[in-house]
Protein backbone atom coordinates (compact mmCIF):
# COMPACT_ATOMS: atom_id res chain seq x y z
CA MET A 1 97.62 81.40 114.67
CA ARG A 2 100.69 82.92 115.76
CA ILE A 3 102.64 85.18 113.51
CA ARG A 4 106.49 84.81 113.64
CA LEU A 5 109.12 87.43 112.69
CA ILE A 6 111.66 85.48 110.51
CA SER A 7 115.27 86.69 111.75
CA VAL A 8 117.00 83.53 113.30
CA PHE A 9 119.80 83.34 115.74
CA ILE A 10 122.47 81.61 113.92
CA CYS A 11 123.19 81.50 110.18
CA LEU A 12 122.51 79.57 107.02
CA SER A 13 121.27 79.20 103.26
CA VAL A 14 120.29 76.69 100.42
CA LEU A 15 120.96 77.72 96.69
CA GLY A 16 117.49 76.94 95.15
CA SER A 17 116.30 76.80 91.45
CA GLY A 18 113.09 76.72 89.54
CA LYS A 19 111.56 76.59 86.25
CA ALA A 20 109.84 79.27 84.13
CA TRP A 21 105.88 79.92 84.79
CA GLY A 22 103.16 81.37 83.78
CA THR A 23 102.08 85.19 84.59
CA ALA A 24 99.08 86.45 86.49
CA GLY A 25 99.46 90.06 87.45
CA SER A 26 102.45 90.72 85.37
CA ASP A 27 103.68 90.94 81.19
CA CYS A 28 106.97 89.56 82.08
CA THR A 29 107.80 86.00 81.49
CA THR A 30 111.40 85.62 82.92
CA SER A 31 112.33 82.53 83.99
CA ALA A 32 112.37 81.94 87.84
CA PRO A 33 116.55 80.99 87.31
CA ASP A 34 117.08 83.73 85.35
CA ILE A 35 115.33 86.07 87.90
CA PHE A 36 117.56 84.59 90.80
CA ARG A 37 120.67 84.65 88.89
CA ARG A 38 120.22 88.31 88.32
CA LEU A 39 119.18 89.51 91.41
CA SER A 40 121.50 87.09 93.64
CA PRO A 41 124.38 89.52 93.60
CA SER A 42 121.84 92.26 95.12
CA VAL A 43 120.81 89.85 97.99
CA VAL A 44 122.77 90.17 101.30
CA SER A 45 123.11 88.09 104.70
CA VAL A 46 122.79 90.39 107.79
CA ALA A 47 124.19 89.58 110.94
CA ALA A 48 123.43 91.77 113.92
CA VAL A 49 125.28 91.22 117.21
CA SER A 50 123.69 92.69 120.54
CA VAL A 51 124.91 92.32 124.26
CA ASP A 52 122.53 91.99 127.01
CA PRO A 53 124.65 93.73 129.97
CA LEU A 54 122.48 92.18 132.67
CA ALA A 55 123.03 88.58 132.03
CA VAL A 56 125.75 86.46 133.65
CA SER A 57 125.99 83.81 130.96
CA ASP A 58 125.04 83.84 127.21
CA ARG A 59 125.39 87.98 127.21
CA VAL A 60 126.15 88.20 123.16
CA THR A 61 123.32 87.20 120.91
CA THR A 62 123.69 87.12 116.99
CA THR A 63 120.67 87.70 114.83
CA ILE A 64 120.78 86.76 111.40
CA GLY A 65 118.60 88.03 108.52
CA SER A 66 118.35 88.89 104.84
CA GLY A 67 118.77 92.30 102.74
CA PHE A 68 119.12 94.00 99.45
CA ILE A 69 120.90 96.41 97.75
CA ILE A 70 118.73 99.36 96.80
CA ASP A 71 122.12 101.67 95.71
CA PRO A 72 125.37 101.04 93.96
CA SER A 73 126.93 103.24 96.61
CA GLY A 74 126.05 100.77 99.29
CA LEU A 75 122.68 101.43 100.74
CA VAL A 76 121.07 98.24 102.05
CA ILE A 77 117.36 97.54 102.98
CA THR A 78 116.31 94.93 105.68
CA ASN A 79 113.96 94.68 108.65
CA CYS A 80 114.14 96.62 111.84
CA HIS A 81 113.57 93.69 113.82
CA VAL A 82 116.88 92.27 112.67
CA VAL A 83 119.08 95.07 113.33
CA GLU A 84 117.31 96.97 116.42
CA GLY A 85 118.72 97.48 119.45
CA CYS A 86 122.33 95.88 118.15
CA GLY A 87 125.69 97.21 118.28
CA ALA A 88 128.02 95.53 115.27
CA ILE A 89 126.03 94.97 112.22
CA THR A 90 127.72 93.01 109.37
CA VAL A 91 126.69 92.74 105.59
CA THR A 92 127.85 89.60 103.74
CA LEU A 93 127.63 89.75 99.87
CA VAL A 94 126.64 86.32 97.76
CA ASN A 95 130.64 86.37 97.15
CA GLY A 96 131.44 85.75 100.66
CA HIS A 97 132.87 89.11 101.02
CA MET A 98 132.01 90.86 104.25
CA GLU A 99 131.81 94.70 105.19
CA ARG A 100 130.92 96.23 108.56
CA ALA A 101 127.49 98.13 107.91
CA ALA A 102 126.47 101.34 109.47
CA LEU A 103 122.65 101.89 110.45
CA VAL A 104 121.65 104.72 108.64
CA GLY A 105 117.66 104.91 109.40
CA ILE A 106 115.28 102.97 111.43
CA ASP A 107 111.26 102.68 111.64
CA PRO A 108 109.79 99.77 113.69
CA ILE A 109 106.53 100.69 112.72
CA LEU A 110 107.34 99.49 108.90
CA ASP A 111 109.80 97.17 110.11
CA VAL A 112 112.48 98.51 107.83
CA ALA A 113 116.48 99.48 108.79
CA VAL A 114 118.49 101.07 106.05
CA LEU A 115 122.11 100.12 106.46
CA ARG A 116 125.28 101.52 104.55
CA ILE A 117 128.28 99.36 103.56
CA PRO A 118 131.22 100.77 101.61
CA GLY A 119 130.94 99.95 97.87
CA PRO A 120 133.37 99.52 95.23
CA SER A 121 134.81 102.09 92.98
CA GLN A 122 132.62 100.27 90.41
CA GLY A 123 129.64 100.52 92.64
CA LEU A 124 127.54 97.31 93.78
CA THR A 125 124.93 95.85 91.94
CA SER A 126 121.47 96.73 93.17
CA VAL A 127 117.62 95.76 92.56
CA GLN A 128 114.98 97.22 90.66
CA LEU A 129 111.98 98.45 92.80
CA GLY A 130 108.86 97.69 91.27
CA ASP A 131 105.32 99.13 91.91
CA SER A 132 103.43 97.25 94.72
CA THR A 133 100.28 99.22 94.23
CA GLY A 134 99.27 97.15 91.31
CA ILE A 135 100.17 93.87 92.35
CA GLU A 136 97.07 91.32 91.91
CA VAL A 137 95.87 88.28 94.20
CA GLY A 138 96.96 85.31 91.79
CA GLU A 139 100.41 86.95 90.70
CA ASP A 140 103.62 84.89 90.63
CA VAL A 141 106.26 85.84 92.87
CA LEU A 142 109.93 84.61 94.22
CA ALA A 143 111.07 85.39 97.57
CA ILE A 144 114.93 85.32 97.85
CA GLY A 145 117.03 85.02 101.20
CA ASN A 146 119.40 83.67 103.61
CA PRO A 147 117.34 81.30 105.58
CA PHE A 148 119.24 79.76 108.82
CA GLY A 149 122.42 81.63 107.18
CA MET A 150 123.49 78.98 105.09
CA GLY A 151 123.39 81.09 101.73
CA GLN A 152 120.60 82.17 99.13
CA MET A 153 117.78 80.25 98.83
CA VAL A 154 114.73 81.13 96.29
CA THR A 155 111.39 80.01 96.75
CA ARG A 156 108.45 80.64 94.56
CA GLY A 157 104.56 80.97 95.09
CA VAL A 158 101.40 83.38 94.13
CA VAL A 159 100.17 86.45 96.02
CA SER A 160 97.70 85.10 98.01
CA GLY A 161 96.24 88.24 99.71
CA ILE A 162 96.24 91.82 99.12
CA HIS A 163 95.75 94.43 102.15
CA ARG A 164 96.23 92.00 104.72
CA ALA A 165 96.26 93.55 107.97
CA LEU A 166 99.06 92.75 110.77
CA ALA A 167 99.43 94.77 113.97
CA CYS A 168 101.55 97.46 114.51
CA ALA A 169 101.64 101.11 116.31
CA PRO A 170 98.92 101.24 118.87
CA MET A 171 96.25 103.59 117.53
CA SER A 172 97.80 103.40 113.59
CA ALA A 173 96.25 101.92 110.78
CA ALA A 174 96.93 98.39 110.93
CA LEU A 175 99.81 97.95 108.01
CA PRO A 176 98.55 96.55 105.00
CA VAL A 177 100.93 93.64 103.72
CA ILE A 178 101.24 91.30 100.92
CA GLN A 179 100.57 87.80 101.82
CA SER A 180 101.97 84.91 99.57
CA ASP A 181 102.78 80.97 99.85
CA ALA A 182 106.21 81.45 98.67
CA ALA A 183 107.60 79.61 101.59
CA LEU A 184 109.87 81.94 104.37
CA GLN A 185 112.11 80.28 106.49
CA PRO A 186 113.96 81.82 109.84
CA GLY A 187 116.50 84.11 108.46
CA SER A 188 114.46 85.22 105.47
CA SER A 189 113.72 88.52 107.39
CA GLY A 190 114.41 91.66 105.01
CA GLY A 191 114.68 89.56 101.91
CA PRO A 192 113.21 90.64 98.82
CA LEU A 193 109.70 89.69 97.36
CA VAL A 194 109.83 89.74 93.79
CA ASN A 195 107.89 89.70 90.77
CA LEU A 196 108.40 87.93 87.10
CA CYS A 197 110.17 90.99 85.89
CA GLY A 198 112.75 90.66 88.37
CA GLU A 199 111.25 93.82 90.40
CA VAL A 200 111.06 93.65 94.18
CA ILE A 201 107.84 94.43 95.12
CA GLY A 202 108.20 93.94 98.84
CA ILE A 203 110.22 92.98 102.22
CA ASN A 204 109.81 89.47 103.59
CA THR A 205 109.09 90.14 107.36
CA ALA A 206 106.92 87.48 108.96
CA MET A 207 105.55 83.89 108.45
CA PHE A 208 102.90 82.07 110.42
CA GLU A 209 104.43 80.01 113.13
CA THR A 210 102.92 76.50 112.08
CA ASP A 211 103.06 77.17 108.50
CA SER A 212 106.31 78.64 106.38
CA ASP A 213 103.97 78.73 103.24
CA ILE A 214 102.00 81.66 104.60
CA GLY A 215 104.26 84.89 104.56
CA PHE A 216 103.79 88.48 104.88
CA ALA A 217 105.78 91.31 103.31
CA ILE A 218 106.04 95.05 103.32
CA PRO A 219 104.78 96.63 100.02
CA ILE A 220 107.83 98.24 98.55
CA HIS A 221 105.69 101.80 97.88
CA LEU A 222 105.25 102.12 101.54
CA VAL A 223 109.35 101.77 101.99
CA GLU A 224 109.53 104.24 99.27
CA ALA A 225 107.49 107.06 100.82
CA VAL A 226 109.56 106.96 104.38
CA LEU A 227 112.95 106.34 102.55
CA PRO A 228 113.50 110.25 102.18
CA GLN A 229 113.03 110.56 106.02
CA LEU A 230 115.13 107.56 107.13
CA LEU A 231 118.12 108.97 105.04
CA LYS A 232 117.82 112.21 106.24
CA GLU A 233 116.61 112.31 109.80
CA GLY A 234 117.44 108.46 110.68
CA HIS A 235 113.80 107.56 111.61
CA VAL A 236 110.33 108.62 110.45
CA ILE A 237 108.55 111.15 112.05
CA ARG A 238 105.10 109.94 112.97
CA PRO A 239 102.35 111.56 115.61
CA TRP A 240 101.71 109.56 118.91
CA LEU A 241 98.64 109.46 121.11
CA GLY A 242 99.78 106.25 122.91
CA VAL A 243 96.77 103.79 123.01
CA VAL A 244 96.52 100.43 122.28
CA GLY A 245 92.77 98.63 121.51
CA LYS A 246 89.92 98.11 118.91
CA LEU A 247 86.64 99.47 118.09
CA VAL A 248 83.65 97.56 119.84
CA GLY A 249 80.24 97.58 119.35
CA ALA A 250 77.53 98.35 121.93
CA GLU A 251 75.88 94.93 121.22
CA LEU A 252 78.78 93.39 122.91
CA GLY A 253 78.04 94.92 126.28
CA GLU A 254 74.59 93.61 125.79
CA ILE A 255 75.85 90.18 125.31
CA ILE A 256 78.08 89.94 127.89
CA ASN A 257 76.03 91.77 130.24
CA LEU A 258 78.70 94.69 130.72
CA PRO A 259 78.56 98.57 130.41
CA ILE A 260 79.96 99.12 126.75
CA VAL A 261 79.43 101.79 124.28
CA SER A 262 80.04 101.96 120.55
CA GLY A 263 83.78 103.30 120.07
CA PHE A 264 87.45 102.48 120.69
CA LEU A 265 88.05 100.13 123.45
CA VAL A 266 91.43 101.42 125.35
CA GLU A 267 93.09 98.28 126.16
CA TYR A 268 96.92 99.58 126.89
CA VAL A 269 98.22 103.09 127.50
CA GLU A 270 101.93 103.39 126.51
CA HIS A 271 103.81 104.81 129.30
CA ASP A 272 104.86 108.70 129.32
CA SER A 273 102.46 108.96 126.00
CA PRO A 274 100.31 111.94 125.58
CA ALA A 275 97.34 109.69 126.39
CA GLN A 276 98.65 108.62 129.74
CA GLN A 277 99.61 112.23 130.67
CA ALA A 278 96.12 113.06 129.62
CA GLY A 279 94.77 110.69 132.00
CA LEU A 280 93.48 107.76 129.93
CA GLN A 281 93.13 104.31 131.18
CA GLY A 282 93.45 100.80 130.01
CA GLY A 283 91.78 97.62 130.60
CA ASP A 284 92.10 94.94 133.22
CA LEU A 285 89.42 92.41 132.35
CA PRO A 286 90.46 89.73 129.81
CA VAL A 287 87.50 88.55 127.86
CA SER A 288 87.37 86.15 124.82
CA PHE A 289 83.88 86.35 122.68
CA ALA A 290 83.67 84.83 119.08
CA GLY A 291 87.55 83.96 118.83
CA THR A 292 88.02 87.67 119.46
CA GLU A 293 90.09 88.79 122.75
CA PHE A 294 89.49 91.90 124.78
CA LEU A 295 90.96 93.50 127.58
CA LEU A 296 87.94 95.29 128.92
CA GLY A 297 87.53 97.94 131.77
CA GLY A 298 89.64 100.55 130.19
CA ASP A 299 87.94 104.10 128.41
CA ILE A 300 86.07 104.06 125.49
CA ILE A 301 86.73 106.94 122.93
CA THR A 302 83.24 107.36 121.48
CA SER A 303 84.14 110.31 119.11
CA ALA A 304 87.45 112.37 117.82
CA ASN A 305 87.06 115.90 116.87
CA GLY A 306 83.30 115.32 116.90
CA MET A 307 83.64 112.37 114.44
CA PRO A 308 82.10 109.06 116.03
CA LEU A 309 84.78 106.27 116.04
CA ASP A 310 81.84 103.44 114.94
CA SER A 311 83.66 102.33 112.01
CA PRO A 312 86.93 101.48 110.91
CA GLU A 313 86.54 104.02 107.92
CA ASN A 314 86.04 106.80 110.92
CA LEU A 315 88.69 105.25 112.86
CA GLY A 316 91.05 105.38 109.69
CA ALA A 317 90.17 108.93 108.57
CA PHE A 318 91.26 110.08 112.77
CA ILE A 319 94.15 108.28 112.33
CA GLU A 320 95.32 109.71 109.13
CA SER A 321 94.48 113.34 110.07
CA LEU A 322 96.91 112.82 113.38
CA GLU A 323 99.80 115.50 112.99
CA VAL A 324 102.66 116.09 115.61
CA GLY A 325 102.02 119.13 117.38
CA ALA A 326 98.18 119.37 116.90
CA LYS A 327 95.53 119.00 119.35
CA VAL A 328 92.40 116.67 119.51
CA ARG A 329 89.23 116.73 121.19
CA LEU A 330 88.33 113.19 122.48
CA THR A 331 84.80 112.11 124.11
CA VAL A 332 85.63 109.42 126.28
CA TYR A 333 83.10 107.06 128.04
CA ARG A 334 84.34 105.67 131.53
CA GLU A 335 82.18 103.90 134.20
CA GLY A 336 78.67 105.17 132.65
CA LYS A 337 79.72 108.78 132.29
CA MET A 338 81.05 110.73 129.35
CA ARG A 339 83.93 113.19 129.49
CA ASP A 340 85.88 115.28 127.10
CA VAL A 341 89.58 115.30 126.82
CA GLU A 342 91.92 117.27 124.99
CA ILE A 343 95.23 115.76 124.08
CA GLY A 344 98.26 117.31 122.30
CA ILE A 345 99.78 114.88 119.85
CA GLY A 346 103.59 114.21 120.20
CA GLU A 347 106.07 112.35 118.29
CA ARG A 348 106.55 108.59 118.45
CA PRO A 349 109.62 108.35 120.07
CA THR A 350 112.33 106.25 118.24
CA LEU A 351 114.58 103.06 120.21
CA SER A 352 117.17 105.56 121.08
CA GLN A 353 114.86 108.22 122.89
CA ALA A 354 112.52 105.37 124.52
CA GLN A 355 115.98 104.20 126.20
């Protein structure tokens, strides 16, 4: 099944309702309607306009998403994919009041963006952020957003899973997200996922294309961790090696009768990355085995700084150890031979740097 980011290209929203229901991982018993009434003033609609200068017609595209106010002064959180690469960004409050928004910070890895809108003298109504580290499978949740741009809508469900893995940055630990069955629709991107205390525990970001009841949210504690950098620097400083791939075992080579050793299979090397500058090579032979797709023919990194990359734990530890400006020593398998490569870790470029 394919995962779909849930912004939409034309606006809408439907007011939802609910009834009180029990708790699983929370001591709060606030009813769904009460939570919605309390959070509704803090949930906004986000419209972002982009222009394709090379197009002859249909040059202008408007992307519609959701967001929520985290500070009375006018700070708004939404998804990166709602506003990335866009010029004019507009935020609409629940009362219909529209404000031009300034992009404060953006992080494509977490798929989060921070906007600023002018707030009235008495301040805006902001949400309360919760603790996403303590959520439990089976806990009741609400999702609030502006699907289709028609106005606010609330759906309810339970946490179906935690620490779900969505692919994010190449050679980065998979983004651990919250899975819930609170229905999401196009335009819900950037809206809050809340617990029965009315606290935001996640940012709704994606759903399965064929099932709106399988949705994913970025845990709010991950967003809080990068928020200071987003406010100060406008982006998150992240180490960059520049390879995309997956772990493979030598047994795969035995099954498909190809020379493969255990390690990290390099399927793709990012342009102008430290890995490309060091001469690492990606694959060119697509192979599907047991429901998993591989792009074979590229280098296999068997160890990093002397640590074998033969398990998710070791790979995760290596990724966590990466620092901008540091050098790493990789042992690489290519065409039946091993060689050592030293690579200096760079800073992952932001969108503006990449352009």
